[in-house]
C-alpha atoms as a PDB file:
ATOM      1  CA  MET A   1     -27.230  -3.184  20.671  1.00  0.00           C
ATOM      2  CA  ARG A   2     -25.754  -2.581  17.237  1.00  0.00           C
ATOM      3  CA  LYS A   3     -22.187  -3.472  18.323  1.00  0.00           C
ATOM      4  CA  GLU A   4     -23.322  -6.643  20.091  1.00  0.00           C
ATOM      5  CA  ALA A   5     -25.426  -7.695  17.107  1.00  0.00           C
ATOM      6  CA  LEU A   6     -22.501  -7.192  14.738  1.00  0.00           C
ATOM      7  CA  TYR A   7     -20.206  -9.154  17.061  1.00  0.00           C
ATOM      8  CA  PHE A   8     -22.503 -12.202  17.262  1.00  0.00           C
ATOM      9  CA  LEU A   9     -23.149 -12.079  13.530  1.00  0.00           C
ATOM     10  CA  LEU A  10     -19.388 -12.157  12.916  1.00  0.00           C
ATOM     11  CA  LEU A  11     -19.019 -15.114  15.249  1.00  0.00           C
ATOM     12  CA  LEU A  12     -21.622 -17.008  13.228  1.00  0.00           C
ATOM     13  CA  LEU A  13     -19.859 -16.158   9.992  1.00  0.00           C
ATOM     14  CA  THR A  14     -16.348 -16.895  11.240  1.00  0.00           C
ATOM     15  CA  ALA A  15     -16.369 -20.699  11.178  1.00  0.00           C
ATOM     16  CA  PRO A  16     -16.490 -21.240   7.386  1.00  0.00           C
ATOM     17  CA  PHE A  17     -13.898 -18.500   6.763  1.00  0.00           C
ATOM     18  CA  LEU A  18     -11.474 -19.919   9.327  1.00  0.00           C
ATOM     19  CA  GLY A  19     -11.161 -23.051   7.253  1.00  0.00           C
ATOM     20  CA  MET A  20     -10.311 -21.163   4.076  1.00  0.00           C
ATOM     21  CA  ALA A  21      -6.801 -20.276   2.945  1.00  0.00           C
ATOM     22  CA  GLN A  22      -6.514 -16.497   2.804  1.00  0.00           C
ATOM     23  CA  ASP A  23      -3.284 -16.089   0.851  1.00  0.00           C
ATOM     24  CA  ASN A  24      -3.779 -12.336   0.445  1.00  0.00           C
ATOM     25  CA  VAL A  25      -3.164 -11.960   4.203  1.00  0.00           C
ATOM     26  CA  GLU A  26       0.295 -11.626   5.739  1.00  0.00           C
ATOM     27  CA  GLU A  27       1.430 -10.939   9.294  1.00  0.00           C
ATOM     28  CA  ILE A  28       4.615  -8.884   9.716  1.00  0.00           C
ATOM     29  CA  SER A  29       5.852  -7.548  13.081  1.00  0.00           C
ATOM     30  CA  ASN A  30       2.478  -7.181  14.841  1.00  0.00           C
ATOM     31  CA  GLU A  31       0.815  -5.994  11.664  1.00  0.00           C
ATOM     32  CA  ILE A  32      -1.667  -7.693   9.369  1.00  0.00           C
ATOM     33  CA  VAL A  33      -1.619  -6.721   5.689  1.00  0.00           C
ATOM     34  CA  VAL A  34      -4.596  -7.585   3.464  1.00  0.00           C
ATOM     35  CA  ASN A  35      -4.558  -6.654  -0.197  1.00  0.00           C
ATOM     36  CA  GLY A  36      -6.432  -7.273  -3.414  1.00  0.00           C
ATOM     37  CA  LYS A  37      -9.019  -5.853  -5.807  1.00  0.00           C
ATOM     38  CA  TYR A  38     -12.229  -4.452  -4.334  1.00  0.00           C
ATOM     39  CA  SER A  39     -15.218  -6.687  -5.082  1.00  0.00           C
ATOM     40  CA  GLY A  40     -17.961  -4.621  -3.465  1.00  0.00           C
ATOM     41  CA  GLU A  41     -17.755  -5.954   0.089  1.00  0.00           C
ATOM     42  CA  ASN A  42     -16.606  -4.290   3.280  1.00  0.00           C
ATOM     43  CA  LEU A  43     -14.145  -6.065   5.584  1.00  0.00           C
ATOM     44  CA  TYR A  44     -15.046  -7.432   9.026  1.00  0.00           C
ATOM     45  CA  VAL A  45     -12.508  -7.677  11.821  1.00  0.00           C
ATOM     46  CA  LEU A  46     -12.578  -9.722  15.033  1.00  0.00           C
ATOM     47  CA  ASN A  47     -10.762  -7.681  17.675  1.00  0.00           C
ATOM     48  CA  PRO A  48      -9.848  -9.784  20.745  1.00  0.00           C
ATOM     49  CA  SER A  49      -9.246  -8.238  24.145  1.00  0.00           C
ATOM     50  CA  VAL A  50      -7.444  -9.128  27.384  1.00  0.00           C
ATOM     51  CA  ASN A  51      -8.490  -7.357  30.597  1.00  0.00           C
ATOM     52  CA  ASN A  52     -10.425  -4.821  28.521  1.00  0.00           C
ATOM     53  CA  GLU A  53      -7.325  -4.004  26.462  1.00  0.00           C
ATOM     54  CA  PHE A  54      -8.260  -4.438  22.814  1.00  0.00           C
ATOM     55  CA  SER A  55      -5.869  -5.825  20.207  1.00  0.00           C
ATOM     56  CA  VAL A  56      -6.149  -3.451  17.233  1.00  0.00           C
ATOM     57  CA  GLN A  57      -4.144  -0.249  17.656  1.00  0.00           C
ATOM     58  CA  ASN A  58      -4.307   1.334  14.206  1.00  0.00           C
ATOM     59  CA  VAL A  59      -5.869   0.751  10.780  1.00  0.00           C
ATOM     60  CA  THR A  60      -4.834   2.276   7.469  1.00  0.00           C
ATOM     61  CA  VAL A  61      -6.533   1.861   4.088  1.00  0.00           C
ATOM     62  CA  ASN A  62      -4.287   2.602   1.106  1.00  0.00           C
ATOM     63  CA  GLY A  63      -1.895   4.470   3.356  1.00  0.00           C
ATOM     64  CA  LYS A  64      -4.492   6.711   5.018  1.00  0.00           C
ATOM     65  CA  GLU A  65      -5.496   6.295   8.658  1.00  0.00           C
ATOM     66  CA  TYR A  66      -8.956   4.777   9.079  1.00  0.00           C
ATOM     67  CA  ALA A  67     -11.136   5.790  12.042  1.00  0.00           C
ATOM     68  CA  PHE A  68     -12.641   2.778  13.809  1.00  0.00           C
ATOM     69  CA  THR A  69     -14.218   1.973  17.180  1.00  0.00           C
ATOM     70  CA  HIS A  70     -11.336   0.788  19.378  1.00  0.00           C
ATOM     71  CA  ASN A  71     -13.239  -0.632  22.338  1.00  0.00           C
ATOM     72  CA  THR A  72     -15.265  -3.331  20.594  1.00  0.00           C
ATOM     73  CA  ASN A  73     -14.642  -7.006  19.838  1.00  0.00           C
ATOM     74  CA  ALA A  74     -15.741  -6.635  16.225  1.00  0.00           C
ATOM     75  CA  PHE A  75     -15.828  -3.797  13.730  1.00  0.00           C
ATOM     76  CA  GLU A  76     -16.374  -3.107  10.046  1.00  0.00           C
ATOM     77  CA  ILE A  77     -13.939  -1.451   7.628  1.00  0.00           C
ATOM     78  CA  SER A  78     -16.005   0.380   5.041  1.00  0.00           C
ATOM     79  CA  LEU A  79     -14.624   0.374   1.491  1.00  0.00           C
ATOM     80  CA  ALA A  80     -17.650   2.107  -0.005  1.00  0.00           C
ATOM     81  CA  ASN A  81     -15.522   4.931  -1.437  1.00  0.00           C
ATOM     82  CA  PHE A  82     -13.803   2.513  -3.809  1.00  0.00           C
ATOM     83  CA  THR A  83     -15.074   1.305  -7.152  1.00  0.00           C
ATOM     84  CA  LYS A  84     -14.997  -2.303  -8.284  1.00  0.00           C
ATOM     85  CA  ASP A  85     -11.507  -3.616  -9.150  1.00  0.00           C
ATOM     86  CA  ASP A  86      -9.735  -0.745  -7.359  1.00  0.00           C
ATOM     87  CA  TYR A  87      -6.649  -2.097  -5.606  1.00  0.00           C
ATOM     88  CA  VAL A  88      -6.968  -1.946  -1.817  1.00  0.00           C
ATOM     89  CA  VAL A  89      -4.296  -2.424   0.853  1.00  0.00           C
ATOM     90  CA  VAL A  90      -5.445  -2.610   4.479  1.00  0.00           C
ATOM     91  CA  GLN A  91      -2.867  -2.555   7.294  1.00  0.00           C
ATOM     92  CA  ILE A  92      -3.927  -3.453  10.839  1.00  0.00           C
ATOM     93  CA  SER A  93      -1.428  -2.852  13.656  1.00  0.00           C
ATOM     94  CA  TYR A  94      -2.097  -4.761  16.867  1.00  0.00           C
ATOM     95  CA  ALA A  95      -0.731  -5.159  20.392  1.00  0.00           C
ATOM     96  CA  PRO A  96       1.638  -8.078  21.160  1.00  0.00           C
ATOM     97  CA  GLY A  97      -0.021 -11.175  22.559  1.00  0.00           C
ATOM     98  CA  THR A  98      -3.380 -10.786  20.802  1.00  0.00           C
ATOM     99  CA  VAL A  99      -4.022 -11.275  17.090  1.00  0.00           C
ATOM    100  CA  PRO A 100      -7.085  -9.812  15.328  1.00  0.00           C
ATOM    101  CA  GLN A 101      -8.592 -11.509  12.318  1.00  0.00           C
ATOM    102  CA  VAL A 102     -10.097 -10.252   9.077  1.00  0.00           C
ATOM    103  CA  ILE A 103     -12.697 -12.950   8.604  1.00  0.00           C
ATOM    104  CA  ASN A 104     -13.569 -12.219   4.968  1.00  0.00           C
ATOM    105  CA  ALA A 105     -10.157 -11.167   3.626  1.00  0.00           C
ATOM    106  CA  THR A 106     -10.769 -13.238   0.488  1.00  0.00           C
ATOM    107  CA  SER A 107     -13.424 -10.702  -0.575  1.00  0.00           C
ATOM    108  CA  LEU A 108     -10.418  -8.669  -1.779  1.00  0.00           C
ATOM    109  CA  VAL A 109      -9.716 -10.586  -4.963  1.00  0.00           C
ATOM    110  CA  LYS A 110      -6.156 -11.680  -5.601  1.00  0.00           C
ATOM    111  CA  GLU A 111      -4.874 -10.684  -9.039  1.00  0.00           C
ATOM    112  CA  SER A 112      -3.672 -13.209 -11.606  1.00  0.00           C
ATOM    113  CA  GLU A 113       0.029 -13.856 -11.093  1.00  0.00           C
ATOM    114  CA  PHE A 114       2.995 -15.274 -12.960  1.00  0.00           C
ATOM    115  CA  SER A 115       5.703 -17.204 -11.156  1.00  0.00           C
ATOM    116  CA  LEU A 116       8.845 -15.279 -10.201  1.00  0.00           C
ATOM    117  CA  PRO A 117      10.371 -17.048  -7.170  1.00  0.00           C
ATOM    118  CA  SER A 118      13.598 -15.009  -7.332  1.00  0.00           C
ATOM    119  CA  PHE A 119      11.740 -11.698  -6.756  1.00  0.00           C
ATOM    120  CA  ILE A 120      12.859 -10.687  -3.235  1.00  0.00           C
ATOM    121  CA  TYR A 121      14.186  -7.858  -1.093  1.00  0.00           C
ATOM    122  CA  ASN A 122      17.773  -8.525   0.004  1.00  0.00           C
ATOM    123  CA  LYS A 123      18.180  -7.120   3.529  1.00  0.00           C
ATOM    124  CA  ARG A 124      21.981  -7.244   3.288  1.00  0.00           C
ATOM    125  CA  THR A 125      22.295  -5.235   0.077  1.00  0.00           C
ATOM    126  CA  LYS A 126      19.005  -3.303   0.593  1.00  0.00           C
ATOM    127  CA  LEU A 127      18.143  -4.037  -3.034  1.00  0.00           C
ATOM    128  CA  ILE A 128      15.102  -5.559  -4.704  1.00  0.00           C
ATOM    129  CA  ALA A 129      16.334  -8.383  -6.937  1.00  0.00           C
ATOM    130  CA  TRP A 130      15.033 -10.858  -9.538  1.00  0.00           C
ATOM    131  CA  ASN A 131      16.422 -13.437 -11.951  1.00  0.00           C
ATOM    132  CA  VAL A 132      16.039 -12.423 -15.595  1.00  0.00           C
ATOM    133  CA  LYS A 133      16.216 -16.085 -16.661  1.00  0.00           C
ATOM    134  CA  GLU A 134      12.838 -16.679 -14.994  1.00  0.00           C
ATOM    135  CA  MET A 135      11.170 -14.114 -17.267  1.00  0.00           C
ATOM    136  CA  ASN A 136       9.445 -14.667 -20.598  1.00  0.00           C
ATOM    137  CA  ALA A 137      11.632 -13.346 -23.437  1.00  0.00           C
ATOM    138  CA  SER A 138       8.588 -12.292 -25.479  1.00  0.00           C
ATOM    139  CA  CYS A 139       7.149 -10.077 -22.708  1.00  0.00           C
ATOM    140  CA  SER A 140       8.060  -6.683 -21.279  1.00  0.00           C
ATOM    141  CA  TYR A 141       8.180  -5.850 -17.579  1.00  0.00           C
ATOM    142  CA  GLN A 142       7.629  -2.925 -15.220  1.00  0.00           C
ATOM    143  CA  LEU A 143       8.555  -2.611 -11.558  1.00  0.00           C
ATOM    144  CA  GLU A 144       5.688  -1.076  -9.584  1.00  0.00           C
ATOM    145  CA  GLN A 145       5.358   0.265  -6.040  1.00  0.00           C
ATOM    146  CA  MET A 146       2.138   0.871  -4.143  1.00  0.00           C
ATOM    147  CA  LEU A 147       2.058   4.660  -3.733  1.00  0.00           C
ATOM    148  CA  TYR A 148      -0.812   6.963  -2.775  1.00  0.00           C
ATOM    149  CA  GLY A 149      -3.209   4.012  -2.810  1.00  0.00           C
ATOM    150  CA  LYS A 150      -2.391   2.799  -6.321  1.00  0.00           C
ATOM    151  CA  TRP A 151       0.283   0.896  -8.220  1.00  0.00           C
ATOM    152  CA  VAL A 152       2.804   3.298  -9.755  1.00  0.00           C
ATOM    153  CA  MET A 153       5.581   2.297 -12.155  1.00  0.00           C
ATOM    154  CA  VAL A 154       8.934   3.176 -10.572  1.00  0.00           C
ATOM    155  CA  LYS A 155      11.107   1.580 -13.276  1.00  0.00           C
ATOM    156  CA  ASP A 156      10.436   0.419 -16.835  1.00  0.00           C
ATOM    157  CA  LEU A 157      12.449  -2.816 -17.060  1.00  0.00           C
ATOM    158  CA  GLY A 158      11.751  -3.593 -20.727  1.00  0.00           C
ATOM    159  CA  THR A 159      12.192  -7.099 -22.134  1.00  0.00           C
ATOM    160  CA  PRO A 160      14.635  -9.569 -20.550  1.00  0.00           C
ATOM    161  CA  ASP A 161      17.114  -8.923 -23.388  1.00  0.00           C
ATOM    162  CA  GLU A 162      16.986  -5.176 -22.662  1.00  0.00           C
ATOM    163  CA  MET A 163      17.500  -5.397 -18.902  1.00  0.00           C
ATOM    164  CA  ILE A 164      20.793  -3.808 -17.917  1.00  0.00           C
ATOM    165  CA  SER A 165      20.333  -4.675 -14.251  1.00  0.00           C
ATOM    166  CA  ASP A 166      18.466  -7.275 -12.206  1.00  0.00           C
ATOM    167  CA  THR A 167      18.360  -5.184  -9.024  1.00  0.00           C
ATOM    168  CA  TYR A 168      16.707  -1.956  -7.899  1.00  0.00           C
ATOM    169  CA  LEU A 169      17.448   0.370  -4.969  1.00  0.00           C
ATOM    170  CA  PRO A 170      14.001   1.352  -3.651  1.00  0.00           C
ATOM    171  CA  THR A 171      12.948   4.616  -2.085  1.00  0.00           C
ATOM    172  CA  LEU A 172      10.911   3.498   0.917  1.00  0.00           C
ATOM    173  CA  LEU A 173       7.999   5.126   2.660  1.00  0.00           C
ATOM    174  CA  SER A 174       7.597   4.938   6.425  1.00  0.00           C
ATOM    175  CA  GLY A 175       5.643   1.792   7.317  1.00  0.00           C
ATOM    176  CA  MET A 176       4.660  -0.985   4.923  1.00  0.00           C
ATOM    177  CA  ASN A 177       6.003  -0.895   1.354  1.00  0.00           C
ATOM    178  CA  LEU A 178       4.654  -3.113  -1.423  1.00  0.00           C
ATOM    179  CA  PHE A 179       6.393  -3.936  -4.715  1.00  0.00           C
ATOM    180  CA  ARG A 180       5.500  -6.109  -7.688  1.00  0.00           C
ATOM    181  CA  ILE A 181       6.643  -6.688 -11.269  1.00  0.00           C
ATOM    182  CA  LYS A 182       4.016  -6.414 -14.004  1.00  0.00           C
ATOM    183  CA  GLN A 183       4.350  -8.600 -17.095  1.00  0.00           C
ATOM    184  CA  VAL A 184       2.887  -7.396 -20.425  1.00  0.00           C
ATOM    185  CA  ASP A 185       2.660  -9.689 -23.437  1.00  0.00           C
ATOM    186  CA  GLY A 186       2.520  -8.708 -27.111  1.00  0.00           C
ATOM    187  CA  ASN A 187      -1.269  -8.398 -27.006  1.00  0.00           C
ATOM    188  CA  GLY A 188      -1.272  -6.072 -24.010  1.00  0.00           C
ATOM    189  CA  ASN A 189      -2.420  -8.738 -21.549  1.00  0.00           C
ATOM    190  CA  THR A 190      -0.957  -8.293 -18.066  1.00  0.00           C
ATOM    191  CA  LEU A 191      -0.033 -10.481 -15.119  1.00  0.00           C
ATOM    192  CA  SER A 192       1.642  -9.480 -11.878  1.00  0.00           C
ATOM    193  CA  SER A 193       4.304 -11.177  -9.804  1.00  0.00           C
ATOM    194  CA  PRO A 194       3.770 -12.129  -6.153  1.00  0.00           C
ATOM    195  CA  ILE A 195       4.074  -9.008  -3.987  1.00  0.00           C
ATOM    196  CA  VAL A 196       7.235  -8.225  -2.028  1.00  0.00           C
ATOM    197  CA  LYS A 197       6.278  -6.641   1.315  1.00  0.00           C
ATOM    198  CA  LEU A 198       8.830  -4.601   3.224  1.00  0.00           C
ATOM    199  CA  LYS A 199       8.209  -2.784   6.502  1.00  0.00           C
ATOM    200  CA  SER A 200      10.347   0.312   7.002  1.00  0.00           C
ATOM    201  CA  PRO A 201      10.815   2.291  10.235  1.00  0.00           C
ATOM    202  CA  ASN A 202       9.571   5.865  10.387  1.00  0.00           C
ATOM    203  CA  ARG A 203      11.921   7.829   8.128  1.00  0.00           C
ATOM    204  CA  LYS A 204      10.766  11.104   9.717  1.00  0.00           C
ATOM    205  CA  ILE A 205      10.609  12.865   6.353  1.00  0.00           C
ATOM    206  CA  LEU A 206       9.253  16.369   6.898  1.00  0.00           C
ATOM    207  CA  LEU A 207       8.325  19.356   4.789  1.00  0.00           C
ATOM    208  CA  VAL A 208      10.951  22.104   5.226  1.00  0.00           C
ATOM    209  CA  THR A 209       8.360  24.895   4.947  1.00  0.00           C
ATOM    210  CA  GLU A 210       4.698  25.186   3.938  1.00  0.00           C
ATOM    211  CA  LYS A 211       5.270  28.534   2.197  1.00  0.00           C
ATOM    212  CA  VAL A 212       7.370  28.135  -0.957  1.00  0.00           C
ATOM    213  CA  LYS A 213       8.554  30.180  -3.907  1.00  0.00           C
ATOM    214  CA  ASP A 214      10.462  28.062  -6.443  1.00  0.00           C
ATOM    215  CA  TYR A 215      10.823  24.666  -4.735  1.00  0.00           C
ATOM    216  CA  ILE A 216       8.941  22.387  -2.369  1.00  0.00           C
ATOM    217  CA  GLU A 217      11.672  20.856  -0.215  1.00  0.00           C
ATOM    218  CA  PHE A 218      11.692  17.805   2.057  1.00  0.00           C
ATOM    219  CA  THR A 219      14.230  16.744   4.685  1.00  0.00           C
ATOM    220  CA  GLY A 220      15.117  13.676   2.597  1.00  0.00           C
ATOM    221  CA  VAL A 221      14.446  11.983  -0.729  1.00  0.00           C
ATOM    222  CA  THR A 222      10.867  10.717  -0.900  1.00  0.00           C
ATOM    223  CA  HIS A 223       8.056   9.881  -3.294  1.00  0.00           C
ATOM    224  CA  TYR A 224       5.639  12.764  -3.727  1.00  0.00           C
ATOM    225  CA  GLU A 225       2.402  13.546  -5.522  1.00  0.00           C
ATOM    226  CA  LEU A 226       1.149  17.100  -6.103  1.00  0.00           C
ATOM    227  CA  TYR A 227      -2.474  18.289  -6.574  1.00  0.00           C
ATOM    228  CA  ASP A 228      -4.077  21.689  -6.918  1.00  0.00           C
ATOM    229  CA  ALA A 229      -6.420  23.040  -4.222  1.00  0.00           C
ATOM    230  CA  ASN A 230      -9.412  21.367  -5.935  1.00  0.00           C
ATOM    231  CA  GLY A 231      -7.756  17.950  -5.947  1.00  0.00           C
ATOM    232  CA  PHE A 232      -6.719  17.820  -9.604  1.00  0.00           C
ATOM    233  CA  PHE A 233      -3.505  15.904 -10.221  1.00  0.00           C
ATOM    234  CA  ILE A 234      -0.438  17.918 -11.299  1.00  0.00           C
ATOM    235  CA  LYS A 235       2.590  15.627 -11.103  1.00  0.00           C
ATOM    236  CA  ARG A 236       4.399  12.936  -9.131  1.00  0.00           C
ATOM    237  CA  GLY A 237       7.998  11.856  -8.732  1.00  0.00           C
ATOM    238  CA  THR A 238      10.829  10.992  -6.352  1.00  0.00           C
ATOM    239  CA  ALA A 239      13.036  13.832  -5.089  1.00  0.00           C
ATOM    240  CA  GLN A 240      14.129  15.979  -2.171  1.00  0.00           C
ATOM    241  CA  LYS A 241      13.304  19.231  -3.983  1.00  0.00           C
ATOM    242  CA  VAL A 242      10.322  19.713  -6.311  1.00  0.00           C
ATOM    243  CA  ASN A 243      10.516  22.520  -8.865  1.00  0.00           C
ATOM    244  CA  VAL A 244       7.262  24.538  -8.832  1.00  0.00           C
ATOM    245  CA  THR A 245       8.415  27.641 -10.716  1.00  0.00           C
ATOM    246  CA  ASP A 246       5.866  26.863 -13.450  1.00  0.00           C
ATOM    247  CA  LEU A 247       2.909  26.878 -11.048  1.00  0.00           C
ATOM    248  CA  LYS A 248       0.661  29.841 -10.294  1.00  0.00           C
ATOM    249  CA  LYS A 249       0.529  31.399  -6.846  1.00  0.00           C
ATOM    250  CA  GLY A 250      -1.924  29.675  -4.543  1.00  0.00           C
ATOM    251  CA  ASP A 251      -2.526  26.579  -2.423  1.00  0.00           C
ATOM    252  CA  TYR A 252      -1.586  23.009  -3.382  1.00  0.00           C
ATOM    253  CA  TRP A 253      -1.883  19.581  -1.784  1.00  0.00           C
ATOM    254  CA  ILE A 254       1.270  17.466  -1.468  1.00  0.00           C
ATOM    255  CA  ASN A 255       1.392  13.768  -0.552  1.00  0.00           C
ATOM    256  CA  PHE A 256       4.720  12.401   0.721  1.00  0.00           C
ATOM    257  CA  ASP A 257       5.884   9.555   2.955  1.00  0.00           C
ATOM    258  CA  GLY A 258       2.330   8.669   3.927  1.00  0.00           C
ATOM    259  CA  LYS A 259       1.458  12.284   4.811  1.00  0.00           C
ATOM    260  CA  GLU A 260      -0.834  14.829   3.167  1.00  0.00           C
ATOM    261  CA  THR A 261      -0.499  18.565   3.721  1.00  0.00           C
ATOM    262  CA  MET A 262      -1.151  21.865   1.986  1.00  0.00           C
ATOM    263  CA  VAL A 263       1.583  24.182   0.738  1.00  0.00           C
ATOM    264  CA  THR A 264       1.252  27.756  -0.445  1.00  0.00           C
ATOM    265  CA  LYS A 265       3.186  29.105  -3.374  1.00  0.00           C
ATOM    266  CA  LYS A 266       4.013  32.770  -2.874  1.00  0.00           C
END
């Protein structure tokens, strides 16, 4: 009865939400992306079906796969592990011909933005680009990428007068990639640009070996983040080989290209 009760409750709640603009929702190649700051509410998804084949195929929350009940017309995405104002990105992959709906997507609060219409990904050049003339000369800027469930600065752009280049060659993760530019004024107040979303095919980046001596090595250049066995952060970066000669022998967690695995330093 619990599933049926949730389904009918969602149907009752759907009507007012359907009339609202949910500009933190985007559909890209049979995938819905919802993003924003956590406000304390879980998300509710309507999951249509045709001939008992349900629409939603996969759900990830901040890059990690989320376990949900596949064979139901409505389900809840719990965000209880987050704290208020944490940034959350939910990706919902669905089958062609049926489109699920996050009925309360606006509960993820959109951050305050500044206008930067030139901020795009150029598919021909494979570069992220922006127009320096659209930026405030009295502010400084940072290019950020959503990595490991949080915004990470991938390039310090400086002030418009200091910018040597107005393009950036990104290192992409498999799946959905999110980029933004953060603006910081003289008082430390921040605004963010609209987000550039870019879906990348599976890069098939793998760990060369789980037992290492001096280097952790991948099959290609990727973003990584390293933790000790207890989950304490050690370092992050972008590389194909990570120098670990300064680490003690033992087990470590490594995040890379949307994967998490343990390595052992001999």
